[in-house]
Amino acid sequence: MELKRVLAVLMRRWWLVFGLPLAVLVGTVLLSSSQPYVGTFRASVLIPTDTEETGNAERPELMVMDDFAQIVSSESFAANVASRLQPGTPGSDLSVGEIQRSLSADRRGRIGTVNVTRDDRAEALAIALAANAVLPDVVNRYMVAQGEPRATVQTIDQPSVARLNADSQTVILVVQTLVALAVGAGLAALAAALDEKLYAEDEVSAALGLPVLADVRAPRWGRAGRGWLRGQRA
């Protein structure tokens, strides 16, 4: 099929070719704008008497970082964070339960990452700052045995805030729009294949085996003169 004819077939159903990608584009933008904010910071935690033999069952003090995520997501940690928030600051009116649900963490070796997920950017940052401030005391209270030297907790990356999945939103938007464009074009082509109507002169000539002498269709899209006389062909 000639390129000109393919384009003509697609443009007869332009609302499929362009409408579907437009709907996907708008939907993706609206969805991405509703993504929550995540306040994040990272800290190194060096437990007293720690060595490079991480995971040694004979030295349980070397495995306390396995409990880091559970400590951060606990009600006790959330209560400490809530007590750190000054009255009138973002997040200070949240309950301990709401703060607890916003907290999560993971760790890689001695490096712990704390995440605060909130719909409000200011709240996410305020809670992350408070969590960063209380982390050393909480680590020494719950992760270090009594009588042992204090753990060393140092912030590596200061609390910062970004939208959830913000880095991948552009790629997702482009890929989804291109896929929707291909699907729309495919639907338009399928609709054309199932349509038994004849739209162009060459289609009429091919179907009847006779030349088209004149086009007496009414003007379309409000433009006069759409129909034309071709005259008798030799």
C-alpha atoms as a PDB file:
ATOM      1  CA  MET A   1       0.000   0.000   0.000  1.00  0.00           C
ATOM      2  CA  GLU A   2       1.313   3.429  -0.973  1.00  0.00           C
ATOM      3  CA  LEU A   3       2.331   5.788   1.792  1.00  0.00           C
ATOM      4  CA  LYS A   4      -0.182   8.389   0.585  1.00  0.00           C
ATOM      5  CA  ARG A   5      -3.022   5.898   0.805  1.00  0.00           C
ATOM      6  CA  VAL A   6      -1.900   4.698   4.264  1.00  0.00           C
ATOM      7  CA  LEU A   7      -1.899   8.266   5.531  1.00  0.00           C
ATOM      8  CA  ALA A   8      -5.330   8.861   4.024  1.00  0.00           C
ATOM      9  CA  VAL A   9      -6.706   5.766   5.748  1.00  0.00           C
ATOM     10  CA  LEU A  10      -5.275   6.829   9.085  1.00  0.00           C
ATOM     11  CA  MET A  11      -6.445  10.435   8.790  1.00  0.00           C
ATOM     12  CA  ARG A  12     -10.045   9.346   8.185  1.00  0.00           C
ATOM     13  CA  ARG A  13      -9.979   8.181  11.821  1.00  0.00           C
ATOM     14  CA  TRP A  14      -7.628  10.771  13.242  1.00  0.00           C
ATOM     15  CA  TRP A  15      -9.502  10.747  16.552  1.00  0.00           C
ATOM     16  CA  LEU A  16      -8.190   7.215  17.126  1.00  0.00           C
ATOM     17  CA  VAL A  17      -4.657   7.941  15.980  1.00  0.00           C
ATOM     18  CA  PHE A  18      -4.254  11.107  18.039  1.00  0.00           C
ATOM     19  CA  GLY A  19      -7.058  10.876  20.601  1.00  0.00           C
ATOM     20  CA  LEU A  20      -5.740   7.779  22.384  1.00  0.00           C
ATOM     21  CA  PRO A  21      -2.179   9.137  22.825  1.00  0.00           C
ATOM     22  CA  LEU A  22      -3.625  12.459  24.011  1.00  0.00           C
ATOM     23  CA  ALA A  23      -5.778  10.685  26.606  1.00  0.00           C
ATOM     24  CA  VAL A  24      -2.782   8.646  27.791  1.00  0.00           C
ATOM     25  CA  LEU A  25      -0.614  11.780  27.927  1.00  0.00           C
ATOM     26  CA  VAL A  26      -3.142  13.707  30.005  1.00  0.00           C
ATOM     27  CA  GLY A  27      -3.783  10.735  32.280  1.00  0.00           C
ATOM     28  CA  THR A  28      -0.069  10.155  32.907  1.00  0.00           C
ATOM     29  CA  VAL A  29       0.559  13.832  33.671  1.00  0.00           C
ATOM     30  CA  LEU A  30      -2.364  13.940  36.098  1.00  0.00           C
ATOM     31  CA  LEU A  31      -1.248  10.708  37.761  1.00  0.00           C
ATOM     32  CA  SER A  32       2.351  11.867  38.117  1.00  0.00           C
ATOM     33  CA  SER A  33       1.228  15.153  39.651  1.00  0.00           C
ATOM     34  CA  SER A  34      -0.608  13.200  42.359  1.00  0.00           C
ATOM     35  CA  GLN A  35       2.429  11.132  43.333  1.00  0.00           C
ATOM     36  CA  PRO A  36       3.479  11.663  46.961  1.00  0.00           C
ATOM     37  CA  TYR A  37       6.686  13.327  48.098  1.00  0.00           C
ATOM     38  CA  VAL A  38       9.487  11.291  49.657  1.00  0.00           C
ATOM     39  CA  GLY A  39      11.927  12.813  52.125  1.00  0.00           C
ATOM     40  CA  THR A  40      15.140  10.788  52.263  1.00  0.00           C
ATOM     41  CA  PHE A  41      18.413  10.782  54.147  1.00  0.00           C
ATOM     42  CA  ARG A  42      21.219   8.274  54.608  1.00  0.00           C
ATOM     43  CA  ALA A  43      23.370   7.652  57.644  1.00  0.00           C
ATOM     44  CA  SER A  44      26.235   5.342  58.559  1.00  0.00           C
ATOM     45  CA  VAL A  45      25.885   3.405  61.785  1.00  0.00           C
ATOM     46  CA  LEU A  46      29.019   1.976  63.381  1.00  0.00           C
ATOM     47  CA  ILE A  47      28.173  -0.299  66.287  1.00  0.00           C
ATOM     48  CA  PRO A  48      30.825  -0.612  69.078  1.00  0.00           C
ATOM     49  CA  THR A  49      33.201  -3.609  68.667  1.00  0.00           C
ATOM     50  CA  ASP A  50      32.001  -3.971  65.051  1.00  0.00           C
ATOM     51  CA  THR A  51      34.428  -5.640  62.631  1.00  0.00           C
ATOM     52  CA  GLU A  52      34.378  -6.657  58.996  1.00  0.00           C
ATOM     53  CA  GLU A  53      32.927 -10.058  59.959  1.00  0.00           C
ATOM     54  CA  THR A  54      29.332  -8.962  59.387  1.00  0.00           C
ATOM     55  CA  GLY A  55      26.777 -11.678  59.932  1.00  0.00           C
ATOM     56  CA  ASN A  56      28.968 -13.706  62.295  1.00  0.00           C
ATOM     57  CA  ALA A  57      26.510 -15.598  64.541  1.00  0.00           C
ATOM     58  CA  GLU A  58      29.101 -15.765  67.318  1.00  0.00           C
ATOM     59  CA  ARG A  59      29.190 -11.960  67.445  1.00  0.00           C
ATOM     60  CA  PRO A  60      25.514 -10.899  67.586  1.00  0.00           C
ATOM     61  CA  GLU A  61      26.488  -7.235  67.986  1.00  0.00           C
ATOM     62  CA  LEU A  62      27.629  -7.376  64.364  1.00  0.00           C
ATOM     63  CA  MET A  63      24.126  -8.170  63.141  1.00  0.00           C
ATOM     64  CA  VAL A  64      22.151  -5.440  64.897  1.00  0.00           C
ATOM     65  CA  MET A  65      21.846  -3.457  61.654  1.00  0.00           C
ATOM     66  CA  ASP A  66      19.441  -6.156  60.497  1.00  0.00           C
ATOM     67  CA  ASP A  67      16.961  -4.517  62.865  1.00  0.00           C
ATOM     68  CA  PHE A  68      17.456  -1.013  61.460  1.00  0.00           C
ATOM     69  CA  ALA A  69      14.338  -1.001  59.253  1.00  0.00           C
ATOM     70  CA  GLN A  70      12.136  -2.381  62.041  1.00  0.00           C
ATOM     71  CA  ILE A  71      13.391   0.257  64.479  1.00  0.00           C
ATOM     72  CA  VAL A  72      12.713   3.133  62.058  1.00  0.00           C
ATOM     73  CA  SER A  73       9.199   1.925  61.230  1.00  0.00           C
ATOM     74  CA  SER A  74       8.311   1.344  64.890  1.00  0.00           C
ATOM     75  CA  GLU A  75       5.821   3.330  66.959  1.00  0.00           C
ATOM     76  CA  SER A  76       8.587   4.236  69.412  1.00  0.00           C
ATOM     77  CA  PHE A  77      10.694   5.859  66.693  1.00  0.00           C
ATOM     78  CA  ALA A  78       7.627   7.713  65.373  1.00  0.00           C
ATOM     79  CA  ALA A  79       6.928   9.004  68.897  1.00  0.00           C
ATOM     80  CA  ASN A  80      10.485  10.318  69.143  1.00  0.00           C
ATOM     81  CA  VAL A  81      10.110  12.032  65.772  1.00  0.00           C
ATOM     82  CA  ALA A  82       6.775  13.572  66.809  1.00  0.00           C
ATOM     83  CA  SER A  83       8.311  14.965  69.999  1.00  0.00           C
ATOM     84  CA  ARG A  84      11.055  16.588  67.914  1.00  0.00           C
ATOM     85  CA  LEU A  85       8.619  18.506  65.687  1.00  0.00           C
ATOM     86  CA  GLN A  86       8.106  22.019  67.021  1.00  0.00           C
ATOM     87  CA  PRO A  87       4.507  23.261  67.403  1.00  0.00           C
ATOM     88  CA  GLY A  88       3.374  25.134  64.327  1.00  0.00           C
ATOM     89  CA  THR A  89       5.863  23.456  62.006  1.00  0.00           C
ATOM     90  CA  PRO A  90       4.703  21.226  59.114  1.00  0.00           C
ATOM     91  CA  GLY A  91       3.714  17.798  60.404  1.00  0.00           C
ATOM     92  CA  SER A  92       3.451  18.853  64.050  1.00  0.00           C
ATOM     93  CA  ASP A  93      -0.316  18.289  63.990  1.00  0.00           C
ATOM     94  CA  LEU A  94       0.059  14.684  62.774  1.00  0.00           C
ATOM     95  CA  SER A  95      -0.565  11.796  65.123  1.00  0.00           C
ATOM     96  CA  VAL A  96       2.152   9.322  66.021  1.00  0.00           C
ATOM     97  CA  GLY A  97       0.320   6.723  63.933  1.00  0.00           C
ATOM     98  CA  GLU A  98       0.315   8.962  60.847  1.00  0.00           C
ATOM     99  CA  ILE A  99       4.027   9.640  61.247  1.00  0.00           C
ATOM    100  CA  GLN A 100       4.710   5.930  61.748  1.00  0.00           C
ATOM    101  CA  ARG A 101       2.877   5.034  58.528  1.00  0.00           C
ATOM    102  CA  SER A 102       4.988   7.535  56.614  1.00  0.00           C
ATOM    103  CA  LEU A 103       8.311   6.058  57.784  1.00  0.00           C
ATOM    104  CA  SER A 104      10.236   3.261  56.102  1.00  0.00           C
ATOM    105  CA  ALA A 105      13.886   2.269  55.870  1.00  0.00           C
ATOM    106  CA  ASP A 106      16.388  -0.168  54.423  1.00  0.00           C
ATOM    107  CA  ARG A 107      20.067  -0.736  54.876  1.00  0.00           C
ATOM    108  CA  ARG A 108      23.112  -1.829  52.893  1.00  0.00           C
ATOM    109  CA  GLY A 109      25.831  -2.961  55.242  1.00  0.00           C
ATOM    110  CA  ARG A 110      26.401  -0.182  57.737  1.00  0.00           C
ATOM    111  CA  ILE A 111      24.520   2.410  55.649  1.00  0.00           C
ATOM    112  CA  GLY A 112      20.877   2.984  56.513  1.00  0.00           C
ATOM    113  CA  THR A 113      18.385   4.882  54.345  1.00  0.00           C
ATOM    114  CA  VAL A 114      15.299   6.449  55.904  1.00  0.00           C
ATOM    115  CA  ASN A 115      12.296   7.447  53.766  1.00  0.00           C
ATOM    116  CA  VAL A 116       9.349   9.652  54.701  1.00  0.00           C
ATOM    117  CA  THR A 117       6.389   9.480  52.297  1.00  0.00           C
ATOM    118  CA  ARG A 118       3.800  12.263  52.482  1.00  0.00           C
ATOM    119  CA  ASP A 119       1.442  14.018  50.080  1.00  0.00           C
ATOM    120  CA  ASP A 120       2.704  17.356  51.411  1.00  0.00           C
ATOM    121  CA  ARG A 121       6.283  18.318  50.538  1.00  0.00           C
ATOM    122  CA  ALA A 122       6.834  20.452  53.645  1.00  0.00           C
ATOM    123  CA  GLU A 123       5.642  17.638  55.920  1.00  0.00           C
ATOM    124  CA  ALA A 124       7.929  15.112  54.238  1.00  0.00           C
ATOM    125  CA  LEU A 125      10.949  17.364  54.732  1.00  0.00           C
ATOM    126  CA  ALA A 126      10.076  18.331  58.324  1.00  0.00           C
ATOM    127  CA  ILE A 127       9.595  14.697  59.397  1.00  0.00           C
ATOM    128  CA  ALA A 128      12.814  13.650  57.631  1.00  0.00           C
ATOM    129  CA  LEU A 129      14.747  16.379  59.462  1.00  0.00           C
ATOM    130  CA  ALA A 130      13.264  15.324  62.783  1.00  0.00           C
ATOM    131  CA  ALA A 131      14.007  11.646  62.100  1.00  0.00           C
ATOM    132  CA  ASN A 132      17.596  12.516  61.233  1.00  0.00           C
ATOM    133  CA  ALA A 133      17.939  14.428  64.509  1.00  0.00           C
ATOM    134  CA  VAL A 134      16.608  11.635  66.761  1.00  0.00           C
ATOM    135  CA  LEU A 135      18.246   8.706  64.939  1.00  0.00           C
ATOM    136  CA  PRO A 136      21.525   8.664  66.971  1.00  0.00           C
ATOM    137  CA  ASP A 137      19.719   8.522  70.325  1.00  0.00           C
ATOM    138  CA  VAL A 138      17.271   5.869  69.099  1.00  0.00           C
ATOM    139  CA  VAL A 139      20.080   3.700  67.708  1.00  0.00           C
ATOM    140  CA  ASN A 140      21.983   3.838  70.993  1.00  0.00           C
ATOM    141  CA  ARG A 141      18.838   3.213  73.037  1.00  0.00           C
ATOM    142  CA  TYR A 142      17.533   0.197  71.149  1.00  0.00           C
ATOM    143  CA  MET A 143      20.457  -1.227  69.159  1.00  0.00           C
ATOM    144  CA  VAL A 144      23.351  -1.046  71.625  1.00  0.00           C
ATOM    145  CA  ALA A 145      23.516  -3.176  74.758  1.00  0.00           C
ATOM    146  CA  GLN A 146      23.588  -1.384  78.078  1.00  0.00           C
ATOM    147  CA  GLY A 147      27.095  -0.686  79.315  1.00  0.00           C
ATOM    148  CA  GLU A 148      28.585  -0.845  75.806  1.00  0.00           C
ATOM    149  CA  PRO A 149      30.234   2.199  74.171  1.00  0.00           C
ATOM    150  CA  ARG A 150      27.887   4.395  72.156  1.00  0.00           C
ATOM    151  CA  ALA A 151      27.384   3.768  68.471  1.00  0.00           C
ATOM    152  CA  THR A 152      28.616   6.329  65.977  1.00  0.00           C
ATOM    153  CA  VAL A 153      25.815   7.613  63.741  1.00  0.00           C
ATOM    154  CA  GLN A 154      26.818  10.022  60.984  1.00  0.00           C
ATOM    155  CA  THR A 155      24.575  11.539  58.325  1.00  0.00           C
ATOM    156  CA  ILE A 156      25.939  10.925  54.831  1.00  0.00           C
ATOM    157  CA  ASP A 157      23.192  12.552  52.760  1.00  0.00           C
ATOM    158  CA  GLN A 158      21.178  15.347  54.372  1.00  0.00           C
ATOM    159  CA  PRO A 159      17.367  15.104  54.174  1.00  0.00           C
ATOM    160  CA  SER A 160      16.012  16.064  50.774  1.00  0.00           C
ATOM    161  CA  VAL A 161      12.616  15.740  49.114  1.00  0.00           C
ATOM    162  CA  ALA A 162      11.527  14.555  45.677  1.00  0.00           C
ATOM    163  CA  ARG A 163       8.372  13.173  44.129  1.00  0.00           C
ATOM    164  CA  LEU A 164       7.997   9.423  44.133  1.00  0.00           C
ATOM    165  CA  ASN A 165       9.356   7.927  40.880  1.00  0.00           C
ATOM    166  CA  ALA A 166      10.098  11.431  39.574  1.00  0.00           C
ATOM    167  CA  ASP A 167      13.265  10.290  37.765  1.00  0.00           C
ATOM    168  CA  SER A 168      11.385   7.740  35.667  1.00  0.00           C
ATOM    169  CA  GLN A 169       8.287   9.836  34.909  1.00  0.00           C
ATOM    170  CA  THR A 170       9.695  11.343  31.680  1.00  0.00           C
ATOM    171  CA  VAL A 171      10.695   7.961  30.278  1.00  0.00           C
ATOM    172  CA  ILE A 172       7.346   6.464  31.259  1.00  0.00           C
ATOM    173  CA  LEU A 173       5.502   9.385  29.657  1.00  0.00           C
ATOM    174  CA  VAL A 174       7.362   9.061  26.344  1.00  0.00           C
ATOM    175  CA  VAL A 175       7.044   5.267  26.161  1.00  0.00           C
ATOM    176  CA  GLN A 176       3.337   5.243  27.034  1.00  0.00           C
ATOM    177  CA  THR A 177       2.579   7.978  24.498  1.00  0.00           C
ATOM    178  CA  LEU A 178       4.431   6.139  21.703  1.00  0.00           C
ATOM    179  CA  VAL A 179       2.695   2.862  22.552  1.00  0.00           C
ATOM    180  CA  ALA A 180      -0.685   4.617  22.583  1.00  0.00           C
ATOM    181  CA  LEU A 181       0.114   6.194  19.189  1.00  0.00           C
ATOM    182  CA  ALA A 182       0.924   2.764  17.737  1.00  0.00           C
ATOM    183  CA  VAL A 183      -2.234   1.255  19.241  1.00  0.00           C
ATOM    184  CA  GLY A 184      -4.334   4.137  17.912  1.00  0.00           C
ATOM    185  CA  ALA A 185      -2.895   3.707  14.420  1.00  0.00           C
ATOM    186  CA  GLY A 186      -3.533  -0.041  14.617  1.00  0.00           C
ATOM    187  CA  LEU A 187      -7.145   0.501  15.637  1.00  0.00           C
ATOM    188  CA  ALA A 188      -7.602   2.987  12.802  1.00  0.00           C
ATOM    189  CA  ALA A 189      -6.168   0.487  10.323  1.00  0.00           C
ATOM    190  CA  LEU A 190      -8.391  -2.282  11.690  1.00  0.00           C
ATOM    191  CA  ALA A 191     -11.458  -0.066  11.445  1.00  0.00           C
ATOM    192  CA  ALA A 192     -10.547   0.773   7.853  1.00  0.00           C
ATOM    193  CA  ALA A 193     -10.168  -2.934   7.011  1.00  0.00           C
ATOM    194  CA  LEU A 194     -13.640  -3.667   8.397  1.00  0.00           C
ATOM    195  CA  ASP A 195     -15.222  -0.642   6.709  1.00  0.00           C
ATOM    196  CA  GLU A 196     -16.887  -1.539   3.410  1.00  0.00           C
ATOM    197  CA  LYS A 197     -17.492   2.064   2.361  1.00  0.00           C
ATOM    198  CA  LEU A 198     -15.625   3.589  -0.566  1.00  0.00           C
ATOM    199  CA  TYR A 199     -14.117   6.995   0.136  1.00  0.00           C
ATOM    200  CA  ALA A 200     -11.710   7.810  -2.698  1.00  0.00           C
ATOM    201  CA  GLU A 201     -11.990   7.809  -6.484  1.00  0.00           C
ATOM    202  CA  ASP A 202      -9.330   5.177  -6.902  1.00  0.00           C
ATOM    203  CA  GLU A 203     -11.228   2.883  -4.513  1.00  0.00           C
ATOM    204  CA  VAL A 204     -14.397   3.302  -6.570  1.00  0.00           C
ATOM    205  CA  SER A 205     -12.538   2.682  -9.822  1.00  0.00           C
ATOM    206  CA  ALA A 206     -10.840  -0.407  -8.396  1.00  0.00           C
ATOM    207  CA  ALA A 207     -14.147  -1.810  -7.115  1.00  0.00           C
ATOM    208  CA  LEU A 208     -16.198  -1.135 -10.274  1.00  0.00           C
ATOM    209  CA  GLY A 209     -13.533  -1.423 -12.913  1.00  0.00           C
ATOM    210  CA  LEU A 210     -14.783   1.860 -14.394  1.00  0.00           C
ATOM    211  CA  PRO A 211     -13.419   5.407 -14.408  1.00  0.00           C
ATOM    212  CA  VAL A 212     -14.996   8.057 -12.139  1.00  0.00           C
ATOM    213  CA  LEU A 213     -16.616  10.795 -14.221  1.00  0.00           C
ATOM    214  CA  ALA A 214     -17.706  13.149 -11.433  1.00  0.00           C
ATOM    215  CA  ASP A 215     -17.882  13.549  -7.657  1.00  0.00           C
ATOM    216  CA  VAL A 216     -21.308  14.817  -6.579  1.00  0.00           C
ATOM    217  CA  ARG A 217     -20.872  14.425  -2.818  1.00  0.00           C
ATOM    218  CA  ALA A 218     -21.948  17.305  -0.597  1.00  0.00           C
ATOM    219  CA  PRO A 219     -19.144  19.529   0.767  1.00  0.00           C
ATOM    220  CA  ARG A 220     -17.594  18.265   4.019  1.00  0.00           C
ATOM    221  CA  TRP A 221     -16.287  20.114   7.090  1.00  0.00           C
ATOM    222  CA  GLY A 222     -18.213  23.220   6.020  1.00  0.00           C
ATOM    223  CA  ARG A 223     -15.988  24.020   3.068  1.00  0.00           C
ATOM    224  CA  ALA A 224     -17.749  24.740  -0.199  1.00  0.00           C
ATOM    225  CA  GLY A 225     -16.437  23.310  -3.360  1.00  0.00           C
ATOM    226  CA  ARG A 226     -15.371  19.984  -1.857  1.00  0.00           C
ATOM    227  CA  GLY A 227     -16.936  18.117  -4.719  1.00  0.00           C
ATOM    228  CA  TRP A 228     -15.408  18.501  -8.121  1.00  0.00           C
ATOM    229  CA  LEU A 229     -15.926  17.449 -11.658  1.00  0.00           C
ATOM    230  CA  ARG A 230     -13.207  15.389 -13.135  1.00  0.00           C
ATOM    231  CA  GLY A 231     -14.619  15.302 -16.638  1.00  0.00           C
ATOM    232  CA  GLN A 232     -14.649  12.398 -18.944  1.00  0.00           C
ATOM    233  CA  ARG A 233     -11.434  10.472 -19.048  1.00  0.00           C
ATOM    234  CA  ALA A 234      -9.956   9.295 -22.241  1.00  0.00           C
END
